[in-house]
N, C-alpha and C. Protein backbone atom coordinates (compact mmCIF):
# COMPACT_ATOMS: atom_id res chain seq x y z
N MET A 1 139.21 113.07 126.83
CA MET A 1 138.16 112.27 127.09
C MET A 1 138.57 112.19 128.46
N LYS A 2 137.39 111.93 129.50
CA LYS A 2 138.10 111.54 130.94
C LYS A 2 137.89 110.25 131.40
N PRO A 3 139.15 109.59 131.83
CA PRO A 3 139.29 108.55 132.28
C PRO A 3 138.11 107.78 133.20
N ILE A 4 137.46 106.20 132.45
CA ILE A 4 136.96 105.73 133.03
C ILE A 4 135.99 106.17 134.55
N ARG A 5 136.81 106.04 135.50
CA ARG A 5 136.65 105.94 137.22
C ARG A 5 135.70 107.73 137.25
N GLU A 6 136.13 108.69 135.73
CA GLU A 6 135.61 109.67 136.30
C GLU A 6 133.80 109.63 136.00
N TRP A 7 133.70 109.78 134.84
CA TRP A 7 132.05 109.15 134.18
C TRP A 7 131.13 108.15 134.58
N TRP A 8 132.25 107.12 135.00
CA TRP A 8 131.03 105.51 135.09
C TRP A 8 130.35 106.15 136.27
N PRO A 9 130.51 107.17 137.50
CA PRO A 9 129.61 107.06 138.51
C PRO A 9 128.45 107.98 137.94
N THR A 10 128.83 109.01 137.47
CA THR A 10 127.38 109.81 136.86
C THR A 10 126.52 108.86 136.01
N THR A 11 127.21 108.08 134.86
CA THR A 11 126.50 106.98 133.78
C THR A 11 125.56 106.25 134.55
N ARG A 12 126.45 105.64 135.56
CA ARG A 12 125.37 104.66 137.22
C ARG A 12 124.01 105.86 137.19
N ASP A 13 124.55 107.11 138.16
CA ASP A 13 123.30 107.86 138.36
C ASP A 13 122.01 107.87 137.24
N PHE A 14 122.22 108.02 136.43
CA PHE A 14 121.59 108.40 135.25
C PHE A 14 120.80 106.93 134.84
N PHE A 15 121.34 106.16 134.55
CA PHE A 15 120.66 104.91 134.47
C PHE A 15 119.80 104.37 135.30
N ARG A 16 120.03 104.79 136.33
CA ARG A 16 119.41 104.25 138.08
C ARG A 16 118.35 105.28 137.88
N ASP A 17 118.09 106.38 137.69
CA ASP A 17 117.18 107.68 137.77
C ASP A 17 116.48 107.19 136.01
N VAL A 18 116.93 106.83 135.53
CA VAL A 18 115.91 106.37 134.48
C VAL A 18 115.42 104.87 134.81
N TRP A 19 115.67 104.29 135.56
CA TRP A 19 114.77 103.28 135.69
C TRP A 19 113.85 103.37 136.50
N VAL A 20 114.10 104.30 137.50
CA VAL A 20 113.09 104.70 138.61
C VAL A 20 112.01 105.46 137.79
N GLU A 21 112.35 106.18 136.54
CA GLU A 21 111.36 107.07 136.31
C GLU A 21 110.17 105.92 135.57
N MET A 22 111.08 104.90 134.64
CA MET A 22 110.84 104.01 134.06
C MET A 22 109.36 103.35 134.48
N LYS A 23 110.19 103.26 135.65
CA LYS A 23 108.64 101.83 136.56
C LYS A 23 107.39 103.12 137.13
N LYS A 24 107.42 104.72 137.13
CA LYS A 24 106.62 105.65 137.02
C LYS A 24 105.75 105.96 135.85
N VAL A 25 105.82 105.09 135.27
CA VAL A 25 105.34 105.22 133.37
C VAL A 25 103.87 104.57 133.57
N SER A 26 102.70 105.11 133.39
CA SER A 26 100.90 104.71 133.23
C SER A 26 101.47 103.99 131.78
N TRP A 27 101.79 102.46 131.61
CA TRP A 27 101.86 101.77 130.01
C TRP A 27 100.59 101.53 129.61
N PRO A 28 100.03 101.75 128.48
CA PRO A 28 98.73 101.39 128.28
C PRO A 28 98.80 100.10 127.79
N GLY A 29 97.18 99.41 128.35
CA GLY A 29 97.17 98.07 127.85
C GLY A 29 97.38 97.99 126.32
N ARG A 30 96.89 96.48 126.07
CA ARG A 30 96.84 95.87 124.65
C ARG A 30 96.00 95.73 123.68
N ASN A 31 94.51 96.30 124.67
CA ASN A 31 93.50 96.66 124.11
C ASN A 31 93.41 98.27 123.54
N GLU A 32 94.04 99.06 124.56
CA GLU A 32 93.86 100.28 123.79
C GLU A 32 95.57 100.74 122.86
N VAL A 33 96.60 99.62 122.90
CA VAL A 33 97.20 99.87 121.93
C VAL A 33 96.87 99.24 120.38
N ILE A 34 96.34 98.70 120.40
CA ILE A 34 95.48 97.59 119.35
C ILE A 34 94.54 98.49 118.86
N GLY A 35 93.30 99.43 119.86
CA GLY A 35 92.34 100.50 119.22
C GLY A 35 93.28 102.20 118.46
N THR A 36 94.17 102.41 119.57
CA THR A 36 94.77 103.81 118.93
C THR A 36 95.93 103.61 117.62
N SER A 37 96.26 102.48 117.20
CA SER A 37 96.64 101.40 116.11
C SER A 37 96.27 101.86 114.76
N VAL A 38 94.71 101.17 115.40
CA VAL A 38 93.42 101.13 113.55
C VAL A 38 93.10 102.63 113.86
N VAL A 39 93.26 103.35 114.52
CA VAL A 39 92.89 104.96 114.35
C VAL A 39 93.79 105.42 113.77
N VAL A 40 95.59 105.00 113.64
CA VAL A 40 96.00 106.25 112.89
C VAL A 40 96.33 105.44 111.90
N ILE A 41 96.38 104.43 111.70
CA ILE A 41 96.08 103.86 110.05
C ILE A 41 94.90 103.69 109.10
N VAL A 42 93.83 103.76 109.75
CA VAL A 42 92.59 104.36 109.13
C VAL A 42 93.20 106.04 108.37
N ALA A 43 93.14 106.69 109.92
CA ALA A 43 93.37 107.99 109.82
C ALA A 43 94.20 107.97 108.16
N CYS A 44 95.75 107.04 108.32
CA CYS A 44 96.71 107.67 107.18
C CYS A 44 95.88 107.58 106.08
N PHE A 45 95.05 106.25 105.68
CA PHE A 45 94.49 105.66 104.71
C PHE A 45 93.46 106.96 103.67
N ILE A 46 93.05 107.31 104.96
CA ILE A 46 91.53 108.58 105.19
C ILE A 46 92.91 109.86 104.38
N PHE A 47 93.53 110.42 105.15
CA PHE A 47 94.38 111.13 104.45
C PHE A 47 95.08 111.23 103.24
N GLY A 48 95.45 109.92 103.20
CA GLY A 48 96.15 109.32 101.79
C GLY A 48 95.70 109.46 100.53
N PHE A 49 94.31 109.20 100.76
CA PHE A 49 93.49 109.17 99.56
C PHE A 49 93.14 110.67 99.10
N TYR A 50 92.80 111.28 100.65
CA TYR A 50 92.33 113.17 100.26
C TYR A 50 93.42 113.36 99.24
N LEU A 51 94.87 113.31 100.23
CA LEU A 51 95.92 114.25 98.93
C LEU A 51 95.57 113.68 97.86
N PHE A 52 95.64 112.43 97.08
CA PHE A 52 95.17 111.66 96.07
C PHE A 52 94.57 112.15 95.11
N VAL A 53 93.38 112.42 96.10
CA VAL A 53 91.96 113.19 95.59
C VAL A 53 92.41 115.01 94.95
N VAL A 54 92.94 115.56 95.81
CA VAL A 54 93.30 116.49 95.34
C VAL A 54 95.06 117.10 94.58
N ASP A 55 95.77 116.07 94.57
CA ASP A 55 96.55 116.03 93.78
C ASP A 55 96.87 116.16 92.04
N SER A 56 95.65 114.87 92.15
CA SER A 56 94.64 114.36 90.74
C SER A 56 94.14 115.88 90.42
N GLY A 57 93.40 116.16 90.82
CA GLY A 57 92.46 116.89 90.56
C GLY A 57 93.43 118.42 90.23
N LEU A 58 94.18 119.03 91.23
CA LEU A 58 95.46 120.31 90.89
C LEU A 58 96.36 119.47 89.86
N ALA A 59 96.46 118.47 89.59
CA ALA A 59 97.12 118.34 87.98
C ALA A 59 96.68 118.43 86.75
N TRP A 60 94.63 117.50 86.76
CA TRP A 60 94.18 117.87 86.05
C TRP A 60 93.93 119.44 85.55
N LEU A 61 93.92 120.25 86.77
CA LEU A 61 93.50 121.60 86.28
C LEU A 61 94.36 122.20 85.70
N ILE A 62 96.05 121.90 85.83
CA ILE A 62 96.62 122.65 85.66
C ILE A 62 97.35 122.01 84.00
N ASP A 63 96.94 121.13 83.80
CA ASP A 63 96.70 120.19 82.66
C ASP A 63 95.91 120.75 81.88
N ARG A 64 94.80 121.24 82.58
CA ARG A 64 93.76 121.81 81.48
C ARG A 64 94.12 123.70 80.97
N LEU A 65 94.82 124.13 82.24
CA LEU A 65 95.58 125.11 81.75
C LEU A 65 96.82 125.49 81.12
N PHE A 66 97.37 124.83 80.68
CA PHE A 66 98.17 124.53 79.92
C PHE A 66 98.05 123.87 78.46
N ILE A 67 96.90 123.45 78.27
CA ILE A 67 96.59 123.37 77.23
C ILE A 67 95.61 124.58 76.49
N ALA A 68 94.59 125.35 77.63
CA ALA A 68 94.23 126.92 76.77
C ALA A 68 95.17 127.60 76.67
N THR A 69 95.98 127.57 77.21
CA THR A 69 97.44 128.54 77.10
C THR A 69 97.85 128.51 75.75
N GLY A 70 97.50 126.93 75.50
CA GLY A 70 98.70 127.18 74.02
C GLY A 70 100.66 126.40 74.68
N ILE A 71 101.03 126.12 75.90
CA ILE A 71 102.11 126.24 76.15
C ILE A 71 102.54 124.19 75.71
N ALA A 72 101.25 123.92 76.23
CA ALA A 72 101.47 122.06 76.03
C ALA A 72 100.29 121.70 74.58
N PRO A 73 100.68 120.72 73.91
CA PRO A 73 99.81 120.25 72.64
C PRO A 73 98.52 119.87 73.60
N ALA A 74 97.32 119.38 72.53
CA ALA A 74 96.39 118.99 73.06
C ALA A 74 96.69 117.45 73.06
């Protein structure tokens, strides 16, 4: 492990560069954050419902297949 005198200047330069780059970032406004958050939440519910329907349908289909072949009792 290097002594602190050797890694401190590079670490300091790194954090200075991070600070400069963070000032260049175009941060979204409150309304944009709220709008995109609502879109993500709604999309999650829609995809969740879709996956629930597909999973239920496939489970029903496999259950009927097992009953038809005699693997599972009716």
